[in-house]
Amino acid sequence: MDLGLKDRVYIVTGASRGLGLAAASALVADGAKAVITGRDEKTLKEAAAELGPGAFPVTSDNADPAAAARLIAAAREHFGRFDGVLISVGGPAPGFVADNTDEQWQSAFESVFLGAVRIARTAADELDTGGVIGFVLSASVHEPIPGLTISNGLRPGLAGFAKSLADEVGPRGIRVVGLAPSRIDTDRVRQLDELSGDAEATRAGHEARIPLRRYGTPEEFGRVAAFLLSPAASYLTGIVLPVDGGARHGF
């Protein structure tokens, strides 16, 4: 199936590793170009080298109020156009209600929530008909995840913002989509499993509750992200798609 991605240009934030990198890789593999971002310059440049000439790295922090305009300018200067953005950011600090500090909440709000809102607003102003804004959210949008209190607090609000944005920009032909990954086999998820003290048993317990009986791979997530961002998904907007192997029991 031709997704219609050839020569389209996307910004993918948080793309130096994990789910952002997987999404950028899938986009580039299908012929798109990607401006990829991350806070660590060395890791980001290594990711860009892995992706090849279809990727252009820009060191950036989602919490920086000037980031969005700078990234869109980079897309247009380096690749000649701007067709969409996938907003991904590393997960906030784990912890329970009594563990997380005000500083951790504030830092996460700036990057996970407000930074994403700023980037999406700026993109919405700059995109034309056929443009798309994507959010990498979390399964915590639908159900709180034990030990991830900050994520449980912020991700559902961001999903609500995404839905509001979809309603507002839809008449202009701009789509807004979200992805809600659960147990995808990334460094972040493996670290969370290790917090239990018995990562192997924790993983086995999670897999037993997933109908497909396994964690997803970053590559599987990346292909779903590329599809949602592509013209092939041109009638999908205002949705948050679970990418969880069937772990969410509901519609």
C-alpha atoms as a PDB file:
ATOM      1  CA  MET A   1       0.000   0.000   0.000  1.00  0.00           C
ATOM      2  CA  ASP A   2       1.350   3.415  -0.958  1.00  0.00           C
ATOM      3  CA  LEU A   3       0.858   5.734   2.021  1.00  0.00           C
ATOM      4  CA  GLY A   4       1.534   8.824  -0.080  1.00  0.00           C
ATOM      5  CA  LEU A   5       4.475   9.868   2.093  1.00  0.00           C
ATOM      6  CA  LYS A   6       7.028  10.444  -0.637  1.00  0.00           C
ATOM      7  CA  ASP A   7       8.702  13.855  -0.257  1.00  0.00           C
ATOM      8  CA  ARG A   8       6.351  14.988   2.499  1.00  0.00           C
ATOM      9  CA  VAL A   9       8.152  16.709   5.381  1.00  0.00           C
ATOM     10  CA  TYR A  10       7.445  16.098   9.053  1.00  0.00           C
ATOM     11  CA  ILE A  11       8.893  17.275  12.334  1.00  0.00           C
ATOM     12  CA  VAL A  12       9.293  14.482  14.889  1.00  0.00           C
ATOM     13  CA  THR A  13      10.213  15.620  18.375  1.00  0.00           C
ATOM     14  CA  GLY A  14      11.903  13.372  20.898  1.00  0.00           C
ATOM     15  CA  ALA A  15      13.284  11.344  18.004  1.00  0.00           C
ATOM     16  CA  SER A  16      16.798  10.598  19.212  1.00  0.00           C
ATOM     17  CA  ARG A  17      15.581   7.238  20.549  1.00  0.00           C
ATOM     18  CA  GLY A  18      12.531   5.236  21.535  1.00  0.00           C
ATOM     19  CA  LEU A  19       9.126   5.778  19.992  1.00  0.00           C
ATOM     20  CA  GLY A  20      10.035   9.076  18.334  1.00  0.00           C
ATOM     21  CA  LEU A  21      12.980   7.487  16.551  1.00  0.00           C
ATOM     22  CA  ALA A  22      10.831   4.522  15.505  1.00  0.00           C
ATOM     23  CA  ALA A  23       8.235   6.865  14.004  1.00  0.00           C
ATOM     24  CA  ALA A  24      10.856   8.927  12.181  1.00  0.00           C
ATOM     25  CA  SER A  25      12.444   5.738  10.838  1.00  0.00           C
ATOM     26  CA  ALA A  26       9.121   4.506   9.444  1.00  0.00           C
ATOM     27  CA  LEU A  27       8.399   7.866   7.829  1.00  0.00           C
ATOM     28  CA  VAL A  28      11.805   8.066   6.168  1.00  0.00           C
ATOM     29  CA  ALA A  29      11.643   4.435   5.044  1.00  0.00           C
ATOM     30  CA  ASP A  30       8.419   5.263   3.185  1.00  0.00           C
ATOM     31  CA  GLY A  31       9.931   8.232   1.377  1.00  0.00           C
ATOM     32  CA  ALA A  32       9.165  11.135   3.716  1.00  0.00           C
ATOM     33  CA  LYS A  33      11.674  13.616   5.094  1.00  0.00           C
ATOM     34  CA  ALA A  34      11.959  14.305   8.812  1.00  0.00           C
ATOM     35  CA  VAL A  35      13.362  17.050  10.973  1.00  0.00           C
ATOM     36  CA  ILE A  36      14.171  15.154  14.157  1.00  0.00           C
ATOM     37  CA  THR A  37      14.718  16.709  17.557  1.00  0.00           C
ATOM     38  CA  GLY A  38      16.166  15.783  20.920  1.00  0.00           C
ATOM     39  CA  ARG A  39      17.927  17.429  23.817  1.00  0.00           C
ATOM     40  CA  ASP A  40      21.180  15.480  23.599  1.00  0.00           C
ATOM     41  CA  GLU A  41      23.136  16.613  20.535  1.00  0.00           C
ATOM     42  CA  LYS A  42      25.389  13.538  20.333  1.00  0.00           C
ATOM     43  CA  THR A  43      22.540  11.024  20.546  1.00  0.00           C
ATOM     44  CA  LEU A  44      20.489  13.033  18.065  1.00  0.00           C
ATOM     45  CA  LYS A  45      23.282  13.168  15.505  1.00  0.00           C
ATOM     46  CA  GLU A  46      23.767   9.404  15.843  1.00  0.00           C
ATOM     47  CA  ALA A  47      20.051   8.911  15.187  1.00  0.00           C
ATOM     48  CA  ALA A  48      20.193  11.155  12.124  1.00  0.00           C
ATOM     49  CA  ALA A  49      23.167   9.209  10.776  1.00  0.00           C
ATOM     50  CA  GLU A  50      21.197   5.988  11.259  1.00  0.00           C
ATOM     51  CA  LEU A  51      18.211   7.401   9.354  1.00  0.00           C
ATOM     52  CA  GLY A  52      20.281   8.780   6.476  1.00  0.00           C
ATOM     53  CA  PRO A  53      19.824  11.854   4.263  1.00  0.00           C
ATOM     54  CA  GLY A  54      16.064  11.878   4.760  1.00  0.00           C
ATOM     55  CA  ALA A  55      16.562  13.132   8.316  1.00  0.00           C
ATOM     56  CA  PHE A  56      17.869  16.475   9.561  1.00  0.00           C
ATOM     57  CA  PRO A  57      18.719  16.862  13.272  1.00  0.00           C
ATOM     58  CA  VAL A  58      17.927  19.972  15.316  1.00  0.00           C
ATOM     59  CA  THR A  59      18.848  19.944  18.989  1.00  0.00           C
ATOM     60  CA  SER A  60      15.765  21.215  20.797  1.00  0.00           C
ATOM     61  CA  ASP A  61      13.772  21.000  24.012  1.00  0.00           C
ATOM     62  CA  ASN A  62       9.971  20.844  23.772  1.00  0.00           C
ATOM     63  CA  ALA A  63       9.776  23.140  26.804  1.00  0.00           C
ATOM     64  CA  ASP A  64      11.520  25.962  24.910  1.00  0.00           C
ATOM     65  CA  PRO A  65       8.851  28.498  23.830  1.00  0.00           C
ATOM     66  CA  ALA A  66      10.865  29.314  20.695  1.00  0.00           C
ATOM     67  CA  ALA A  67      11.295  25.679  19.630  1.00  0.00           C
ATOM     68  CA  ALA A  68       8.236  25.331  17.402  1.00  0.00           C
ATOM     69  CA  ALA A  69       8.942  28.297  15.118  1.00  0.00           C
ATOM     70  CA  ARG A  70      12.603  27.286  14.844  1.00  0.00           C
ATOM     71  CA  LEU A  71      11.729  23.709  13.867  1.00  0.00           C
ATOM     72  CA  ILE A  72       9.201  24.730  11.221  1.00  0.00           C
ATOM     73  CA  ALA A  73      11.738  27.148   9.763  1.00  0.00           C
ATOM     74  CA  ALA A  74      14.326  24.336   9.676  1.00  0.00           C
ATOM     75  CA  ALA A  75      11.881  22.039   7.840  1.00  0.00           C
ATOM     76  CA  ARG A  76      11.225  24.649   5.183  1.00  0.00           C
ATOM     77  CA  GLU A  77      14.841  25.718   4.823  1.00  0.00           C
ATOM     78  CA  HIS A  78      16.288  22.205   4.654  1.00  0.00           C
ATOM     79  CA  PHE A  79      13.522  20.291   2.857  1.00  0.00           C
ATOM     80  CA  GLY A  80      11.402  23.028   1.272  1.00  0.00           C
ATOM     81  CA  ARG A  81       8.052  22.380   2.938  1.00  0.00           C
ATOM     82  CA  PHE A  82       6.201  21.471   6.136  1.00  0.00           C
ATOM     83  CA  ASP A  83       3.403  18.901   6.172  1.00  0.00           C
ATOM     84  CA  GLY A  84       3.015  17.861   9.777  1.00  0.00           C
ATOM     85  CA  VAL A  85       4.443  17.167  13.200  1.00  0.00           C
ATOM     86  CA  LEU A  86       4.539  14.240  15.605  1.00  0.00           C
ATOM     87  CA  ILE A  87       4.980  15.505  19.151  1.00  0.00           C
ATOM     88  CA  SER A  88       6.777  12.969  21.308  1.00  0.00           C
ATOM     89  CA  VAL A  89       8.569  13.551  24.580  1.00  0.00           C
ATOM     90  CA  GLY A  90      10.284  11.303  27.085  1.00  0.00           C
ATOM     91  CA  GLY A  91       8.067  10.069  29.879  1.00  0.00           C
ATOM     92  CA  PRO A  92       7.969  12.087  33.112  1.00  0.00           C
ATOM     93  CA  ALA A  93       9.560  10.842  36.320  1.00  0.00           C
ATOM     94  CA  PRO A  94       7.937   7.708  37.745  1.00  0.00           C
ATOM     95  CA  GLY A  95       6.529   7.693  41.254  1.00  0.00           C
ATOM     96  CA  PHE A  96       3.412   7.581  43.353  1.00  0.00           C
ATOM     97  CA  VAL A  97       1.457  10.567  44.696  1.00  0.00           C
ATOM     98  CA  ALA A  98       3.611  10.860  47.803  1.00  0.00           C
ATOM     99  CA  ASP A  99       6.885  10.508  45.864  1.00  0.00           C
ATOM    100  CA  ASN A 100       6.770  13.134  43.150  1.00  0.00           C
ATOM    101  CA  THR A 101       7.977  16.631  43.994  1.00  0.00           C
ATOM    102  CA  ASP A 102       6.596  19.975  42.871  1.00  0.00           C
ATOM    103  CA  GLU A 103       9.739  20.395  40.760  1.00  0.00           C
ATOM    104  CA  GLN A 104       9.079  17.103  38.939  1.00  0.00           C
ATOM    105  CA  TRP A 105       5.480  18.119  38.291  1.00  0.00           C
ATOM    106  CA  GLN A 106       6.536  21.531  37.011  1.00  0.00           C
ATOM    107  CA  SER A 107       9.245  20.141  34.741  1.00  0.00           C
ATOM    108  CA  ALA A 108       6.875  17.545  33.305  1.00  0.00           C
ATOM    109  CA  PHE A 109       4.126  20.118  32.774  1.00  0.00           C
ATOM    110  CA  GLU A 110       6.516  22.347  30.823  1.00  0.00           C
ATOM    111  CA  SER A 111       7.725  19.563  28.507  1.00  0.00           C
ATOM    112  CA  VAL A 112       4.921  16.992  28.331  1.00  0.00           C
ATOM    113  CA  PHE A 113       1.950  19.343  28.360  1.00  0.00           C
ATOM    114  CA  LEU A 114       2.660  23.019  27.723  1.00  0.00           C
ATOM    115  CA  GLY A 115       5.525  22.344  25.317  1.00  0.00           C
ATOM    116  CA  ALA A 116       3.298  20.052  23.275  1.00  0.00           C
ATOM    117  CA  VAL A 117       0.487  22.621  23.292  1.00  0.00           C
ATOM    118  CA  ARG A 118       2.827  25.355  22.028  1.00  0.00           C
ATOM    119  CA  ILE A 119       4.203  23.195  19.225  1.00  0.00           C
ATOM    120  CA  ALA A 120       0.718  22.113  18.163  1.00  0.00           C
ATOM    121  CA  ARG A 121      -0.640  25.671  18.183  1.00  0.00           C
ATOM    122  CA  THR A 122       2.259  26.958  16.109  1.00  0.00           C
ATOM    123  CA  ALA A 123       1.976  24.054  13.670  1.00  0.00           C
ATOM    124  CA  ALA A 124      -1.763  24.650  13.303  1.00  0.00           C
ATOM    125  CA  ASP A 125      -1.077  28.254  12.294  1.00  0.00           C
ATOM    126  CA  GLU A 126       1.505  27.185   9.697  1.00  0.00           C
ATOM    127  CA  LEU A 127      -0.114  24.115   8.124  1.00  0.00           C
ATOM    128  CA  ASP A 128      -2.317  24.074   5.048  1.00  0.00           C
ATOM    129  CA  THR A 129      -5.062  21.675   3.983  1.00  0.00           C
ATOM    130  CA  GLY A 130      -3.746  18.109   4.256  1.00  0.00           C
ATOM    131  CA  GLY A 131      -1.512  18.929   7.215  1.00  0.00           C
ATOM    132  CA  VAL A 132      -1.477  16.757  10.325  1.00  0.00           C
ATOM    133  CA  ILE A 133      -0.596  17.135  13.993  1.00  0.00           C
ATOM    134  CA  GLY A 134       0.124  13.950  15.929  1.00  0.00           C
ATOM    135  CA  PHE A 135       0.622  13.355  19.644  1.00  0.00           C
ATOM    136  CA  VAL A 136       2.403  10.410  21.249  1.00  0.00           C
ATOM    137  CA  LEU A 137       0.335   9.953  24.394  1.00  0.00           C
ATOM    138  CA  SER A 138       0.094   6.881  26.627  1.00  0.00           C
ATOM    139  CA  ALA A 139      -2.277   4.156  27.726  1.00  0.00           C
ATOM    140  CA  SER A 140      -2.701   6.328  30.842  1.00  0.00           C
ATOM    141  CA  VAL A 141      -5.072   8.414  28.705  1.00  0.00           C
ATOM    142  CA  HIS A 142      -7.632   5.649  29.237  1.00  0.00           C
ATOM    143  CA  GLU A 143      -6.583   4.115  32.560  1.00  0.00           C
ATOM    144  CA  PRO A 144      -4.057   5.205  35.230  1.00  0.00           C
ATOM    145  CA  ILE A 145      -0.807   3.227  35.301  1.00  0.00           C
ATOM    146  CA  PRO A 146       0.459   2.412  38.808  1.00  0.00           C
ATOM    147  CA  GLY A 147       3.703   4.212  39.582  1.00  0.00           C
ATOM    148  CA  LEU A 148       3.297   6.828  36.842  1.00  0.00           C
ATOM    149  CA  THR A 149       1.277   9.437  38.690  1.00  0.00           C
ATOM    150  CA  ILE A 150       2.578  12.453  36.770  1.00  0.00           C
ATOM    151  CA  SER A 151       1.866  10.820  33.422  1.00  0.00           C
ATOM    152  CA  ASN A 152      -1.583   9.832  34.694  1.00  0.00           C
ATOM    153  CA  GLY A 153      -2.245  13.467  35.499  1.00  0.00           C
ATOM    154  CA  LEU A 154      -0.936  15.108  32.330  1.00  0.00           C
ATOM    155  CA  ARG A 155      -1.561  12.744  29.410  1.00  0.00           C
ATOM    156  CA  PRO A 156      -5.383  12.696  29.636  1.00  0.00           C
ATOM    157  CA  GLY A 157      -5.423  16.503  29.635  1.00  0.00           C
ATOM    158  CA  LEU A 158      -3.239  16.558  26.538  1.00  0.00           C
ATOM    159  CA  ALA A 159      -5.591  14.104  24.841  1.00  0.00           C
ATOM    160  CA  GLY A 160      -8.464  16.478  25.630  1.00  0.00           C
ATOM    161  CA  PHE A 161      -6.529  19.364  24.130  1.00  0.00           C
ATOM    162  CA  ALA A 162      -5.849  17.287  21.007  1.00  0.00           C
ATOM    163  CA  LYS A 163      -9.563  16.590  20.591  1.00  0.00           C
ATOM    164  CA  SER A 164     -10.406  20.279  21.003  1.00  0.00           C
ATOM    165  CA  LEU A 165      -7.757  21.188  18.448  1.00  0.00           C
ATOM    166  CA  ALA A 166      -9.129  18.602  16.008  1.00  0.00           C
ATOM    167  CA  ASP A 167     -12.564  20.221  16.206  1.00  0.00           C
ATOM    168  CA  GLU A 168     -11.129  23.687  15.611  1.00  0.00           C
ATOM    169  CA  VAL A 169      -8.758  22.990  12.710  1.00  0.00           C
ATOM    170  CA  GLY A 170     -10.797  20.279  10.970  1.00  0.00           C
ATOM    171  CA  PRO A 171     -12.734  22.793   8.846  1.00  0.00           C
ATOM    172  CA  ARG A 172      -9.377  23.926   7.438  1.00  0.00           C
ATOM    173  CA  GLY A 173      -8.555  20.369   6.341  1.00  0.00           C
ATOM    174  CA  ILE A 174      -5.977  19.802   9.078  1.00  0.00           C
ATOM    175  CA  ARG A 175      -6.081  16.538  11.003  1.00  0.00           C
ATOM    176  CA  VAL A 176      -5.157  15.875  14.657  1.00  0.00           C
ATOM    177  CA  VAL A 177      -4.417  12.334  15.816  1.00  0.00           C
ATOM    178  CA  GLY A 178      -3.043  10.645  18.908  1.00  0.00           C
ATOM    179  CA  LEU A 179      -1.373   7.348  19.678  1.00  0.00           C
ATOM    180  CA  ALA A 180      -1.667   5.657  23.068  1.00  0.00           C
ATOM    181  CA  PRO A 181       1.135   3.081  23.411  1.00  0.00           C
ATOM    182  CA  SER A 182       1.236   0.688  26.320  1.00  0.00           C
ATOM    183  CA  ARG A 183       3.938  -1.957  26.768  1.00  0.00           C
ATOM    184  CA  ILE A 184       6.262  -1.220  23.849  1.00  0.00           C
ATOM    185  CA  ASP A 185       9.724  -2.737  24.276  1.00  0.00           C
ATOM    186  CA  THR A 186      11.716   0.471  24.712  1.00  0.00           C
ATOM    187  CA  ASP A 187      14.443   1.448  27.175  1.00  0.00           C
ATOM    188  CA  ARG A 188      11.843   3.448  29.114  1.00  0.00           C
ATOM    189  CA  VAL A 189       9.516   0.463  29.578  1.00  0.00           C
ATOM    190  CA  ARG A 190      12.375  -1.851  30.508  1.00  0.00           C
ATOM    191  CA  GLN A 191      13.507   0.662  33.141  1.00  0.00           C
ATOM    192  CA  LEU A 192       9.990   0.799  34.552  1.00  0.00           C
ATOM    193  CA  ASP A 193       9.902  -2.994  34.754  1.00  0.00           C
ATOM    194  CA  GLU A 194      13.208  -2.974  36.621  1.00  0.00           C
ATOM    195  CA  LEU A 195      11.793  -0.678  39.315  1.00  0.00           C
ATOM    196  CA  SER A 196       9.792  -3.645  40.608  1.00  0.00           C
ATOM    197  CA  GLY A 197      12.989  -5.440  41.597  1.00  0.00           C
ATOM    198  CA  ASP A 198      12.167  -8.413  39.369  1.00  0.00           C
ATOM    199  CA  ALA A 199      11.965  -7.189  35.786  1.00  0.00           C
ATOM    200  CA  GLU A 200      11.502 -10.650  34.298  1.00  0.00           C
ATOM    201  CA  ALA A 201       8.523 -11.500  36.504  1.00  0.00           C
ATOM    202  CA  THR A 202       7.022  -8.055  35.961  1.00  0.00           C
ATOM    203  CA  ARG A 203       7.279  -8.416  32.210  1.00  0.00           C
ATOM    204  CA  ALA A 204       5.750 -11.890  32.320  1.00  0.00           C
ATOM    205  CA  GLY A 205       2.848 -10.527  34.357  1.00  0.00           C
ATOM    206  CA  HIS A 206       2.183  -7.734  31.872  1.00  0.00           C
ATOM    207  CA  GLU A 207       2.441 -10.071  28.889  1.00  0.00           C
ATOM    208  CA  ALA A 208      -0.112 -12.405  30.478  1.00  0.00           C
ATOM    209  CA  ARG A 209      -2.640  -9.545  30.456  1.00  0.00           C
ATOM    210  CA  ILE A 210      -1.995  -8.601  26.814  1.00  0.00           C
ATOM    211  CA  PRO A 211      -4.142 -10.625  24.392  1.00  0.00           C
ATOM    212  CA  LEU A 212      -1.218 -10.935  21.958  1.00  0.00           C
ATOM    213  CA  ARG A 213       0.900 -12.160  24.921  1.00  0.00           C
ATOM    214  CA  ARG A 214       3.911  -9.974  24.164  1.00  0.00           C
ATOM    215  CA  TYR A 215       5.235  -6.446  24.261  1.00  0.00           C
ATOM    216  CA  GLY A 216       5.084  -4.474  21.038  1.00  0.00           C
ATOM    217  CA  THR A 217       8.224  -3.507  19.170  1.00  0.00           C
ATOM    218  CA  PRO A 218       9.215   0.090  18.449  1.00  0.00           C
ATOM    219  CA  GLU A 219       9.060  -0.771  14.737  1.00  0.00           C
ATOM    220  CA  GLU A 220       5.411  -1.796  15.056  1.00  0.00           C
ATOM    221  CA  PHE A 221       4.611   1.469  16.786  1.00  0.00           C
ATOM    222  CA  GLY A 222       6.533   3.422  14.149  1.00  0.00           C
ATOM    223  CA  ARG A 223       4.556   1.903  11.289  1.00  0.00           C
ATOM    224  CA  VAL A 224       1.252   2.816  12.962  1.00  0.00           C
ATOM    225  CA  ALA A 225       2.477   6.374  13.506  1.00  0.00           C
ATOM    226  CA  ALA A 226       3.575   6.696   9.883  1.00  0.00           C
ATOM    227  CA  PHE A 227       0.168   5.518   8.681  1.00  0.00           C
ATOM    228  CA  LEU A 228      -1.744   7.984  10.884  1.00  0.00           C
ATOM    229  CA  LEU A 229       0.430  10.856   9.677  1.00  0.00           C
ATOM    230  CA  SER A 230       0.112   9.855   6.024  1.00  0.00           C
ATOM    231  CA  PRO A 231      -2.411  10.932   3.392  1.00  0.00           C
ATOM    232  CA  ALA A 232      -3.673   7.337   3.443  1.00  0.00           C
ATOM    233  CA  ALA A 233      -5.339   8.191   6.774  1.00  0.00           C
ATOM    234  CA  SER A 234      -6.918  11.358   5.388  1.00  0.00           C
ATOM    235  CA  TYR A 235     -10.337  10.760   7.007  1.00  0.00           C
ATOM    236  CA  LEU A 236      -9.012  10.033  10.502  1.00  0.00           C
ATOM    237  CA  THR A 237      -8.972  12.908  12.960  1.00  0.00           C
ATOM    238  CA  GLY A 238      -9.875  13.541  16.585  1.00  0.00           C
ATOM    239  CA  ILE A 239      -8.916   9.988  17.552  1.00  0.00           C
ATOM    240  CA  VAL A 240      -6.534   8.441  20.080  1.00  0.00           C
ATOM    241  CA  LEU A 241      -5.512   5.036  18.794  1.00  0.00           C
ATOM    242  CA  PRO A 242      -4.393   2.409  21.344  1.00  0.00           C
ATOM    243  CA  VAL A 243      -1.181   0.674  20.302  1.00  0.00           C
ATOM    244  CA  ASP A 244      -1.218  -1.976  22.984  1.00  0.00           C
ATOM    245  CA  GLY A 245      -1.689  -5.475  21.607  1.00  0.00           C
ATOM    246  CA  GLY A 246      -5.326  -5.458  22.733  1.00  0.00           C
ATOM    247  CA  ALA A 247      -4.579  -4.664  26.381  1.00  0.00           C
ATOM    248  CA  ARG A 248      -7.356  -2.082  26.582  1.00  0.00           C
ATOM    249  CA  HIS A 249     -10.693  -3.818  26.890  1.00  0.00           C
ATOM    250  CA  GLY A 250     -13.179  -1.325  25.544  1.00  0.00           C
ATOM    251  CA  PHE A 251     -13.915   0.866  22.573  1.00  0.00           C
END
